[in-house]
Amino acid sequence: YEDVCSAKIITHPDKISGIGMLRNWIVENVSDGICVMLDDD
């Protein structure tokens, strides 16, 4: 992603799989109180 994307990129552990686990990780590790998650397509 760094090769093609100029946006800020954050990484989660590879063991995080599935949308449920990933959303929980994002709200716990990225959110500042309000978080909007958007599909990439």
PDB file of all heavy atoms in Angstrom:
ATOM      1  N   TYR A   1       0.826  -1.208   0.000  1.00  0.00           N
ATOM      2  CA  TYR A   1       0.000   0.000   0.000  1.00  0.00           C
ATOM      3  C   TYR A   1       0.860   1.258   0.000  1.00  0.00           C
ATOM      4  O   TYR A   1       0.508   2.255  -0.644  1.00  0.00           O
ATOM      5  CB  TYR A   1      -0.948  -0.005   1.203  1.00  0.00           C
ATOM      6  CG  TYR A   1      -2.200  -0.813   0.971  1.00  0.00           C
ATOM      7  CD1 TYR A   1      -2.202  -2.203   1.095  1.00  0.00           C
ATOM      8  CD2 TYR A   1      -3.398  -0.200   0.611  1.00  0.00           C
ATOM      9  CE1 TYR A   1      -3.349  -2.956   0.882  1.00  0.00           C
ATOM     10  CE2 TYR A   1      -4.553  -0.938   0.399  1.00  0.00           C
ATOM     11  CZ  TYR A   1      -4.523  -2.309   0.529  1.00  0.00           C
ATOM     12  OH  TYR A   1      -5.668  -3.054   0.306  1.00  0.00           O
ATOM     13  N   GLU A   2       1.973   1.242   0.691  1.00  0.00           N
ATOM     14  CA  GLU A   2       2.844   2.417   0.722  1.00  0.00           C
ATOM     15  C   GLU A   2       3.383   2.754  -0.669  1.00  0.00           C
ATOM     16  O   GLU A   2       3.638   3.924  -0.972  1.00  0.00           O
ATOM     17  CB  GLU A   2       4.004   2.186   1.694  1.00  0.00           C
ATOM     18  CG  GLU A   2       3.613   2.313   3.149  1.00  0.00           C
ATOM     19  CD  GLU A   2       4.798   2.123   4.084  1.00  0.00           C
ATOM     20  OE1 GLU A   2       5.735   1.381   3.704  1.00  0.00           O
ATOM     21  OE2 GLU A   2       4.772   2.697   5.179  1.00  0.00           O
ATOM     22  N   ASP A   3       3.539   1.757  -1.500  1.00  0.00           N
ATOM     23  CA  ASP A   3       4.063   1.983  -2.853  1.00  0.00           C
ATOM     24  C   ASP A   3       3.113   2.799  -3.726  1.00  0.00           C
ATOM     25  O   ASP A   3       3.546   3.464  -4.665  1.00  0.00           O
ATOM     26  CB  ASP A   3       4.350   0.643  -3.540  1.00  0.00           C
ATOM     27  CG  ASP A   3       5.611  -0.025  -3.004  1.00  0.00           C
ATOM     28  OD1 ASP A   3       6.406   0.670  -2.347  1.00  0.00           O
ATOM     29  OD2 ASP A   3       5.772  -1.244  -3.230  1.00  0.00           O
ATOM     30  N   VAL A   4       1.802   2.751  -3.410  1.00  0.00           N
ATOM     31  CA  VAL A   4       0.828   3.387  -4.303  1.00  0.00           C
ATOM     32  C   VAL A   4      -0.062   4.420  -3.621  1.00  0.00           C
ATOM     33  O   VAL A   4      -0.759   5.185  -4.288  1.00  0.00           O
ATOM     34  CB  VAL A   4      -0.090   2.320  -4.957  1.00  0.00           C
ATOM     35  CG1 VAL A   4       0.723   1.358  -5.803  1.00  0.00           C
ATOM     36  CG2 VAL A   4      -0.882   1.544  -3.904  1.00  0.00           C
ATOM     37  N   CYS A   5      -0.035   4.462  -2.305  1.00  0.00           N
ATOM     38  CA  CYS A   5      -1.001   5.272  -1.558  1.00  0.00           C
ATOM     39  C   CYS A   5      -0.290   6.353  -0.745  1.00  0.00           C
ATOM     40  O   CYS A   5       0.627   6.052   0.023  1.00  0.00           O
ATOM     41  CB  CYS A   5      -1.818   4.357  -0.652  1.00  0.00           C
ATOM     42  SG  CYS A   5      -3.082   5.192   0.289  1.00  0.00           S
ATOM     43  N   SER A   6      -0.718   7.593  -0.901  1.00  0.00           N
ATOM     44  CA  SER A   6      -0.102   8.704  -0.169  1.00  0.00           C
ATOM     45  C   SER A   6      -0.805   8.990   1.154  1.00  0.00           C
ATOM     46  O   SER A   6      -0.340   9.824   1.946  1.00  0.00           O
ATOM     47  CB  SER A   6      -0.117   9.974  -1.033  1.00  0.00           C
ATOM     48  OG  SER A   6      -1.451  10.340  -1.356  1.00  0.00           O
ATOM     49  N   ALA A   7      -1.923   8.326   1.417  1.00  0.00           N
ATOM     50  CA  ALA A   7      -2.658   8.535   2.665  1.00  0.00           C
ATOM     51  C   ALA A   7      -1.891   7.944   3.840  1.00  0.00           C
ATOM     52  O   ALA A   7      -0.979   7.124   3.677  1.00  0.00           O
ATOM     53  CB  ALA A   7      -4.034   7.888   2.569  1.00  0.00           C
ATOM     54  N   LYS A   8      -2.276   8.369   5.041  1.00  0.00           N
ATOM     55  CA  LYS A   8      -1.686   7.777   6.241  1.00  0.00           C
ATOM     56  C   LYS A   8      -2.101   6.314   6.329  1.00  0.00           C
ATOM     57  O   LYS A   8      -3.276   5.975   6.162  1.00  0.00           O
ATOM     58  CB  LYS A   8      -2.150   8.523   7.482  1.00  0.00           C
ATOM     59  CG  LYS A   8      -1.572   7.965   8.776  1.00  0.00           C
ATOM     60  CD  LYS A   8      -2.030   8.738   9.995  1.00  0.00           C
ATOM     61  CE  LYS A   8      -1.449   8.138  11.277  1.00  0.00           C
ATOM     62  NZ  LYS A   8      -1.897   8.876  12.490  1.00  0.00           N
ATOM     63  N   ILE A   9      -1.136   5.455   6.586  1.00  0.00           N
ATOM     64  CA  ILE A   9      -1.410   4.023   6.678  1.00  0.00           C
ATOM     65  C   ILE A   9      -1.074   3.530   8.079  1.00  0.00           C
ATOM     66  O   ILE A   9      -0.012   3.834   8.623  1.00  0.00           O
ATOM     67  CB  ILE A   9      -0.584   3.242   5.639  1.00  0.00           C
ATOM     68  CG1 ILE A   9      -1.001   3.652   4.220  1.00  0.00           C
ATOM     69  CG2 ILE A   9      -0.749   1.735   5.823  1.00  0.00           C
ATOM     70  CD1 ILE A   9      -0.139   3.054   3.130  1.00  0.00           C
ATOM     71  N   ILE A  10      -1.992   2.807   8.661  1.00  0.00           N
ATOM     72  CA  ILE A  10      -1.726   2.142   9.933  1.00  0.00           C
ATOM     73  C   ILE A  10      -1.887   0.645   9.710  1.00  0.00           C
ATOM     74  O   ILE A  10      -2.603   0.211   8.805  1.00  0.00           O
ATOM     75  CB  ILE A  10      -2.669   2.610  11.058  1.00  0.00           C
ATOM     76  CG1 ILE A  10      -4.133   2.335  10.682  1.00  0.00           C
ATOM     77  CG2 ILE A  10      -2.464   4.091  11.364  1.00  0.00           C
ATOM     78  CD1 ILE A  10      -5.095   2.558  11.836  1.00  0.00           C
ATOM     79  N   THR A  11      -1.208  -0.135  10.533  1.00  0.00           N
ATOM     80  CA  THR A  11      -1.253  -1.583  10.353  1.00  0.00           C
ATOM     81  C   THR A  11      -1.812  -2.283  11.580  1.00  0.00           C
ATOM     82  O   THR A  11      -1.613  -1.842  12.715  1.00  0.00           O
ATOM     83  CB  THR A  11       0.143  -2.149  10.055  1.00  0.00           C
ATOM     84  OG1 THR A  11       1.019  -1.860  11.155  1.00  0.00           O
ATOM     85  CG2 THR A  11       0.711  -1.539   8.783  1.00  0.00           C
ATOM     86  N   HIS A  12      -2.520  -3.346  11.322  1.00  0.00           N
ATOM     87  CA  HIS A  12      -3.006  -4.218  12.390  1.00  0.00           C
ATOM     88  C   HIS A  12      -2.286  -5.557  12.277  1.00  0.00           C
ATOM     89  O   HIS A  12      -1.787  -5.918  11.197  1.00  0.00           O
ATOM     90  CB  HIS A  12      -4.517  -4.400  12.301  1.00  0.00           C
ATOM     91  CG  HIS A  12      -5.003  -5.029  11.034  1.00  0.00           C
ATOM     92  ND1 HIS A  12      -4.929  -6.389  10.790  1.00  0.00           N
ATOM     93  CD2 HIS A  12      -5.572  -4.490   9.919  1.00  0.00           C
ATOM     94  CE1 HIS A  12      -5.435  -6.666   9.601  1.00  0.00           C
ATOM     95  NE2 HIS A  12      -5.825  -5.535   9.041  1.00  0.00           N
ATOM     96  N   PRO A  13      -2.198  -6.311  13.353  1.00  0.00           N
ATOM     97  CA  PRO A  13      -1.536  -7.618  13.290  1.00  0.00           C
ATOM     98  C   PRO A  13      -2.210  -8.531  12.272  1.00  0.00           C
ATOM     99  O   PRO A  13      -3.433  -8.491  12.090  1.00  0.00           O
ATOM    100  CB  PRO A  13      -1.703  -8.166  14.713  1.00  0.00           C
ATOM    101  CG  PRO A  13      -1.895  -6.951  15.569  1.00  0.00           C
ATOM    102  CD  PRO A  13      -2.653  -5.974  14.721  1.00  0.00           C
ATOM    103  N   ASP A  14      -1.424  -9.348  11.610  1.00  0.00           N
ATOM    104  CA  ASP A  14      -1.970 -10.265  10.607  1.00  0.00           C
ATOM    105  C   ASP A  14      -2.994 -11.229  11.207  1.00  0.00           C
ATOM    106  O   ASP A  14      -3.874 -11.727  10.494  1.00  0.00           O
ATOM    107  CB  ASP A  14      -0.842 -11.071   9.960  1.00  0.00           C
ATOM    108  CG  ASP A  14      -0.035 -10.240   8.962  1.00  0.00           C
ATOM    109  OD1 ASP A  14      -0.499  -9.148   8.590  1.00  0.00           O
ATOM    110  OD2 ASP A  14       1.061 -10.679   8.568  1.00  0.00           O
ATOM    111  N   LYS A  15      -2.881 -11.488  12.491  1.00  0.00           N
ATOM    112  CA  LYS A  15      -3.809 -12.431  13.123  1.00  0.00           C
ATOM    113  C   LYS A  15      -5.226 -11.873  13.250  1.00  0.00           C
ATOM    114  O   LYS A  15      -6.177 -12.624  13.504  1.00  0.00           O
ATOM    115  CB  LYS A  15      -3.299 -12.835  14.504  1.00  0.00           C
ATOM    116  CG  LYS A  15      -3.284 -11.691  15.521  1.00  0.00           C
ATOM    117  CD  LYS A  15      -2.754 -12.152  16.859  1.00  0.00           C
ATOM    118  CE  LYS A  15      -2.741 -10.999  17.882  1.00  0.00           C
ATOM    119  NZ  LYS A  15      -2.222 -11.450  19.192  1.00  0.00           N
ATOM    120  N   ILE A  16      -5.379 -10.549  13.070  1.00  0.00           N
ATOM    121  CA  ILE A  16      -6.716  -9.949  13.084  1.00  0.00           C
ATOM    122  C   ILE A  16      -7.397 -10.313  11.780  1.00  0.00           C
ATOM    123  O   ILE A  16      -6.983  -9.888  10.703  1.00  0.00           O
ATOM    124  CB  ILE A  16      -6.648  -8.407  13.215  1.00  0.00           C
ATOM    125  CG1 ILE A  16      -5.916  -8.003  14.497  1.00  0.00           C
ATOM    126  CG2 ILE A  16      -8.034  -7.800  13.170  1.00  0.00           C
ATOM    127  CD1 ILE A  16      -6.629  -8.353  15.766  1.00  0.00           C
ATOM    128  N   SER A  17      -8.454 -11.102  11.849  1.00  0.00           N
ATOM    129  CA  SER A  17      -9.141 -11.545  10.632  1.00  0.00           C
ATOM    130  C   SER A  17     -10.650 -11.475  10.843  1.00  0.00           C
ATOM    131  O   SER A  17     -11.156 -11.696  11.934  1.00  0.00           O
ATOM    132  CB  SER A  17      -8.731 -12.976  10.267  1.00  0.00           C
ATOM    133  OG  SER A  17      -9.117 -13.884  11.284  1.00  0.00           O
ATOM    134  N   GLY A  18     -11.357 -11.175   9.766  1.00  0.00           N
ATOM    135  CA  GLY A  18     -12.804 -11.055   9.869  1.00  0.00           C
ATOM    136  C   GLY A  18     -13.215  -9.652  10.250  1.00  0.00           C
ATOM    137  O   GLY A  18     -12.520  -8.960  10.997  1.00  0.00           O
ATOM    138  N   ILE A  19     -14.373  -9.234   9.759  1.00  0.00           N
ATOM    139  CA  ILE A  19     -14.794  -7.852   9.953  1.00  0.00           C
ATOM    140  C   ILE A  19     -15.105  -7.534  11.408  1.00  0.00           C
ATOM    141  O   ILE A  19     -14.873  -6.412  11.876  1.00  0.00           O
ATOM    142  CB  ILE A  19     -16.004  -7.517   9.039  1.00  0.00           C
ATOM    143  CG1 ILE A  19     -16.211  -6.005   8.954  1.00  0.00           C
ATOM    144  CG2 ILE A  19     -17.263  -8.240   9.502  1.00  0.00           C
ATOM    145  CD1 ILE A  19     -15.053  -5.257   8.351  1.00  0.00           C
ATOM    146  N   GLY A  20     -15.619  -8.506  12.167  1.00  0.00           N
ATOM    147  CA  GLY A  20     -15.935  -8.246  13.570  1.00  0.00           C
ATOM    148  C   GLY A  20     -14.690  -7.931  14.379  1.00  0.00           C
ATOM    149  O   GLY A  20     -14.619  -6.917  15.092  1.00  0.00           O
ATOM    150  N   MET A  21     -13.696  -8.781  14.281  1.00  0.00           N
ATOM    151  CA  MET A  21     -12.453  -8.592  15.015  1.00  0.00           C
ATOM    152  C   MET A  21     -11.742  -7.306  14.563  1.00  0.00           C
ATOM    153  O   MET A  21     -11.190  -6.560  15.377  1.00  0.00           O
ATOM    154  CB  MET A  21     -11.538  -9.805  14.807  1.00  0.00           C
ATOM    155  CG  MET A  21     -10.299  -9.806  15.696  1.00  0.00           C
ATOM    156  SD  MET A  21      -9.255 -11.289  15.418  1.00  0.00           S
ATOM    157  CE  MET A  21     -10.380 -12.587  15.962  1.00  0.00           C
ATOM    158  N   LEU A  22     -11.777  -7.033  13.254  1.00  0.00           N
ATOM    159  CA  LEU A  22     -11.098  -5.854  12.726  1.00  0.00           C
ATOM    160  C   LEU A  22     -11.766  -4.566  13.200  1.00  0.00           C
ATOM    161  O   LEU A  22     -11.086  -3.614  13.591  1.00  0.00           O
ATOM    162  CB  LEU A  22     -11.080  -5.908  11.198  1.00  0.00           C
ATOM    163  CG  LEU A  22     -10.395  -4.730  10.486  1.00  0.00           C
ATOM    164  CD1 LEU A  22      -8.973  -4.526  11.000  1.00  0.00           C
ATOM    165  CD2 LEU A  22     -10.403  -4.945   8.978  1.00  0.00           C
ATOM    166  N   ARG A  23     -13.088  -4.513  13.181  1.00  0.00           N
ATOM    167  CA  ARG A  23     -13.774  -3.302  13.661  1.00  0.00           C
ATOM    168  C   ARG A  23     -13.484  -3.064  15.135  1.00  0.00           C
ATOM    169  O   ARG A  23     -13.276  -1.915  15.561  1.00  0.00           O
ATOM    170  CB  ARG A  23     -15.282  -3.417  13.409  1.00  0.00           C
ATOM    171  CG  ARG A  23     -15.682  -3.400  11.938  1.00  0.00           C
ATOM    172  CD  ARG A  23     -17.077  -2.835  11.765  1.00  0.00           C
ATOM    173  NE  ARG A  23     -17.650  -3.052  10.450  1.00  0.00           N
ATOM    174  CZ  ARG A  23     -17.338  -2.385   9.350  1.00  0.00           C
ATOM    175  NH1 ARG A  23     -16.374  -1.470   9.392  1.00  0.00           N
ATOM    176  NH2 ARG A  23     -17.945  -2.638   8.203  1.00  0.00           N
ATOM    177  N   ASN A  24     -13.482  -4.104  15.938  1.00  0.00           N
ATOM    178  CA  ASN A  24     -13.152  -3.941  17.356  1.00  0.00           C
ATOM    179  C   ASN A  24     -11.739  -3.397  17.532  1.00  0.00           C
ATOM    180  O   ASN A  24     -11.494  -2.517  18.366  1.00  0.00           O
ATOM    181  CB  ASN A  24     -13.286  -5.277  18.092  1.00  0.00           C
ATOM    182  CG  ASN A  24     -14.726  -5.638  18.398  1.00  0.00           C
ATOM    183  OD1 ASN A  24     -15.584  -4.771  18.539  1.00  0.00           O
ATOM    184  ND2 ASN A  24     -15.005  -6.924  18.489  1.00  0.00           N
ATOM    185  N   TRP A  25     -10.803  -3.903  16.741  1.00  0.00           N
ATOM    186  CA  TRP A  25      -9.415  -3.434  16.839  1.00  0.00           C
ATOM    187  C   TRP A  25      -9.332  -1.958  16.475  1.00  0.00           C
ATOM    188  O   TRP A  25      -8.630  -1.188  17.138  1.00  0.00           O
ATOM    189  CB  TRP A  25      -8.518  -4.263  15.921  1.00  0.00           C
ATOM    190  CG  TRP A  25      -7.061  -3.953  16.081  1.00  0.00           C
ATOM    191  CD1 TRP A  25      -6.178  -4.553  16.940  1.00  0.00           C
ATOM    192  CD2 TRP A  25      -6.313  -2.936  15.384  1.00  0.00           C
ATOM    193  NE1 TRP A  25      -4.931  -3.972  16.828  1.00  0.00           N
ATOM    194  CE2 TRP A  25      -4.983  -2.979  15.886  1.00  0.00           C
ATOM    195  CE3 TRP A  25      -6.635  -2.008  14.414  1.00  0.00           C
ATOM    196  CZ2 TRP A  25      -3.986  -2.121  15.430  1.00  0.00           C
ATOM    197  CZ3 TRP A  25      -5.642  -1.138  13.956  1.00  0.00           C
ATOM    198  CH2 TRP A  25      -4.337  -1.200  14.461  1.00  0.00           C
ATOM    199  N   ILE A  26     -10.055  -1.555  15.453  1.00  0.00           N
ATOM    200  CA  ILE A  26     -10.006  -0.155  15.011  1.00  0.00           C
ATOM    201  C   ILE A  26     -10.580   0.774  16.073  1.00  0.00           C
ATOM    202  O   ILE A  26      -9.974   1.807  16.394  1.00  0.00           O
ATOM    203  CB  ILE A  26     -10.752   0.009  13.671  1.00  0.00           C
ATOM    204  CG1 ILE A  26      -9.942  -0.643  12.534  1.00  0.00           C
ATOM    205  CG2 ILE A  26     -10.993   1.496  13.358  1.00  0.00           C
ATOM    206  CD1 ILE A  26     -10.673  -0.706  11.208  1.00  0.00           C
ATOM    207  N   VAL A  27     -11.732   0.455  16.636  1.00  0.00           N
ATOM    208  CA  VAL A  27     -12.319   1.374  17.620  1.00  0.00           C
ATOM    209  C   VAL A  27     -11.482   1.430  18.897  1.00  0.00           C
ATOM    210  O   VAL A  27     -11.452   2.455  19.581  1.00  0.00           O
ATOM    211  CB  VAL A  27     -13.793   1.026  17.950  1.00  0.00           C
ATOM    212  CG1 VAL A  27     -14.660   1.132  16.717  1.00  0.00           C
ATOM    213  CG2 VAL A  27     -13.930  -0.346  18.586  1.00  0.00           C
ATOM    214  N   GLU A  28     -10.782   0.345  19.211  1.00  0.00           N
ATOM    215  CA  GLU A  28      -9.944   0.340  20.411  1.00  0.00           C
ATOM    216  C   GLU A  28      -8.594   1.024  20.190  1.00  0.00           C
ATOM    217  O   GLU A  28      -8.034   1.617  21.112  1.00  0.00           O
ATOM    218  CB  GLU A  28      -9.707  -1.102  20.872  1.00  0.00           C
ATOM    219  CG  GLU A  28     -10.923  -1.767  21.478  1.00  0.00           C
ATOM    220  CD  GLU A  28     -10.611  -3.152  22.001  1.00  0.00           C
ATOM    221  OE1 GLU A  28     -10.364  -4.069  21.190  1.00  0.00           O
ATOM    222  OE2 GLU A  28     -10.590  -3.323  23.236  1.00  0.00           O
ATOM    223  N   ASN A  29      -8.066   0.963  18.964  1.00  0.00           N
ATOM    224  CA  ASN A  29      -6.703   1.422  18.719  1.00  0.00           C
ATOM    225  C   ASN A  29      -6.587   2.686  17.877  1.00  0.00           C
ATOM    226  O   ASN A  29      -5.523   3.319  17.875  1.00  0.00           O
ATOM    227  CB  ASN A  29      -5.896   0.313  18.029  1.00  0.00           C
ATOM    228  CG  ASN A  29      -5.665  -0.880  18.923  1.00  0.00           C
ATOM    229  OD1 ASN A  29      -4.722  -0.907  19.706  1.00  0.00           O
ATOM    230  ND2 ASN A  29      -6.531  -1.886  18.817  1.00  0.00           N
ATOM    231  N   VAL A  30      -7.643   3.062  17.180  1.00  0.00           N
ATOM    232  CA  VAL A  30      -7.566   4.198  16.266  1.00  0.00           C
ATOM    233  C   VAL A  30      -8.538   5.307  16.631  1.00  0.00           C
ATOM    234  O   VAL A  30      -8.224   6.489  16.514  1.00  0.00           O
ATOM    235  CB  VAL A  30      -7.824   3.753  14.805  1.00  0.00           C
ATOM    236  CG1 VAL A  30      -7.639   4.917  13.843  1.00  0.00           C
ATOM    237  CG2 VAL A  30      -6.899   2.600  14.422  1.00  0.00           C
ATOM    238  N   SER A  31      -9.718   4.950  17.069  1.00  0.00           N
ATOM    239  CA  SER A  31     -10.771   5.939  17.297  1.00  0.00           C
ATOM    240  C   SER A  31     -10.391   6.943  18.377  1.00  0.00           C
ATOM    241  O   SER A  31      -9.729   6.614  19.359  1.00  0.00           O
ATOM    242  CB  SER A  31     -12.072   5.233  17.707  1.00  0.00           C
ATOM    243  OG  SER A  31     -13.084   6.173  18.009  1.00  0.00           O
ATOM    244  N   ASP A  32     -10.826   8.194  18.173  1.00  0.00           N
ATOM    245  CA  ASP A  32     -10.663   9.216  19.204  1.00  0.00           C
ATOM    246  C   ASP A  32     -11.986   9.509  19.892  1.00  0.00           C
ATOM    247  O   ASP A  32     -12.158  10.549  20.522  1.00  0.00           O
ATOM    248  CB  ASP A  32     -10.082  10.498  18.598  1.00  0.00           C
ATOM    249  CG  ASP A  32     -10.955  11.071  17.482  1.00  0.00           C
ATOM    250  OD1 ASP A  32     -12.018  10.469  17.188  1.00  0.00           O
ATOM    251  OD2 ASP A  32     -10.599  12.117  16.908  1.00  0.00           O
ATOM    252  N   GLY A  33     -12.918   8.606  19.768  1.00  0.00           N
ATOM    253  CA  GLY A  33     -14.238   8.771  20.382  1.00  0.00           C
ATOM    254  C   GLY A  33     -15.355   8.630  19.374  1.00  0.00           C
ATOM    255  O   GLY A  33     -16.444   8.155  19.691  1.00  0.00           O
ATOM    256  N   ILE A  34     -15.095   9.055  18.142  1.00  0.00           N
ATOM    257  CA  ILE A  34     -16.025   8.843  17.036  1.00  0.00           C
ATOM    258  C   ILE A  34     -15.217   8.331  15.854  1.00  0.00           C
ATOM    259  O   ILE A  34     -14.207   8.931  15.487  1.00  0.00           O
ATOM    260  CB  ILE A  34     -16.765  10.127  16.626  1.00  0.00           C
ATOM    261  CG1 ILE A  34     -17.577  10.703  17.790  1.00  0.00           C
ATOM    262  CG2 ILE A  34     -17.695   9.842  15.444  1.00  0.00           C
ATOM    263  CD1 ILE A  34     -18.304  11.991  17.445  1.00  0.00           C
ATOM    264  N   CYS A  35     -15.656   7.245  15.280  1.00  0.00           N
ATOM    265  CA  CYS A  35     -14.921   6.647  14.165  1.00  0.00           C
ATOM    266  C   CYS A  35     -15.907   6.239  13.075  1.00  0.00           C
ATOM    267  O   CYS A  35     -16.948   5.647  13.363  1.00  0.00           O
ATOM    268  CB  CYS A  35     -14.149   5.420  14.656  1.00  0.00           C
ATOM    269  SG  CYS A  35     -13.129   4.635  13.397  1.00  0.00           S
ATOM    270  N   VAL A  36     -15.578   6.600  11.836  1.00  0.00           N
ATOM    271  CA  VAL A  36     -16.375   6.179  10.686  1.00  0.00           C
ATOM    272  C   VAL A  36     -15.517   5.239   9.847  1.00  0.00           C
ATOM    273  O   VAL A  36     -14.445   5.622   9.375  1.00  0.00           O
ATOM    274  CB  VAL A  36     -16.826   7.369   9.833  1.00  0.00           C
ATOM    275  CG1 VAL A  36     -17.701   6.881   8.680  1.00  0.00           C
ATOM    276  CG2 VAL A  36     -17.593   8.388  10.667  1.00  0.00           C
ATOM    277  N   MET A  37     -15.977   4.010   9.705  1.00  0.00           N
ATOM    278  CA  MET A  37     -15.257   3.009   8.920  1.00  0.00           C
ATOM    279  C   MET A  37     -15.944   2.837   7.571  1.00  0.00           C
ATOM    280  O   MET A  37     -17.152   2.601   7.511  1.00  0.00           O
ATOM    281  CB  MET A  37     -15.219   1.687   9.680  1.00  0.00           C
ATOM    282  CG  MET A  37     -14.349   1.739  10.926  1.00  0.00           C
ATOM    283  SD  MET A  37     -14.484   0.255  11.970  1.00  0.00           S
ATOM    284  CE  MET A  37     -15.931   0.665  12.960  1.00  0.00           C
ATOM    285  N   LEU A  38     -15.160   2.977   6.505  1.00  0.00           N
ATOM    286  CA  LEU A  38     -15.709   2.919   5.148  1.00  0.00           C
ATOM    287  C   LEU A  38     -15.093   1.757   4.380  1.00  0.00           C
ATOM    288  O   LEU A  38     -13.868   1.575   4.406  1.00  0.00           O
ATOM    289  CB  LEU A  38     -15.418   4.218   4.394  1.00  0.00           C
ATOM    290  CG  LEU A  38     -15.919   5.515   5.021  1.00  0.00           C
ATOM    291  CD1 LEU A  38     -14.761   6.260   5.685  1.00  0.00           C
ATOM    292  CD2 LEU A  38     -16.572   6.414   3.976  1.00  0.00           C
ATOM    293  N   ASP A  39     -15.927   0.985   3.695  1.00  0.00           N
ATOM    294  CA  ASP A  39     -15.406  -0.076   2.831  1.00  0.00           C
ATOM    295  C   ASP A  39     -14.469   0.526   1.791  1.00  0.00           C
ATOM    296  O   ASP A  39     -14.647   1.680   1.381  1.00  0.00           O
ATOM    297  CB  ASP A  39     -16.544  -0.819   2.147  1.00  0.00           C
ATOM    298  CG  ASP A  39     -17.232  -1.805   3.080  1.00  0.00           C
ATOM    299  OD1 ASP A  39     -16.920  -1.802   4.282  1.00  0.00           O
ATOM    300  OD2 ASP A  39     -18.109  -2.562   2.599  1.00  0.00           O
ATOM    301  N   ASP A  40     -13.512  -0.253   1.330  1.00  0.00           N
ATOM    302  CA  ASP A  40     -12.480   0.283   0.433  1.00  0.00           C
ATOM    303  C   ASP A  40     -12.875   0.304  -1.034  1.00  0.00           C
ATOM    304  O   ASP A  40     -12.075   0.689  -1.887  1.00  0.00           O
ATOM    305  CB  ASP A  40     -11.170  -0.492   0.601  1.00  0.00           C
ATOM    306  CG  ASP A  40     -11.304  -1.976   0.263  1.00  0.00           C
ATOM    307  OD1 ASP A  40     -12.418  -2.417  -0.112  1.00  0.00           O
ATOM    308  OD2 ASP A  40     -10.299  -2.701   0.373  1.00  0.00           O
ATOM    309  N   ASP A  41     -14.116  -0.087  -1.363  1.00  0.00           N
ATOM    310  CA  ASP A  41     -14.520  -0.155  -2.769  1.00  0.00           C
ATOM    311  C   ASP A  41     -15.705   0.752  -3.095  1.00  0.00           C
ATOM    312  O   ASP A  41     -16.438   0.522  -4.054  1.00  0.00           O
ATOM    313  CB  ASP A  41     -14.850  -1.599  -3.149  1.00  0.00           C
ATOM    314  CG  ASP A  41     -15.929  -2.219  -2.271  1.00  0.00           C
ATOM    315  OD1 ASP A  41     -16.294  -1.601  -1.235  1.00  0.00           O
ATOM    316  OD2 ASP A  41     -16.410  -3.319  -2.599  1.00  0.00           O
TER     317      ASP A  41
END
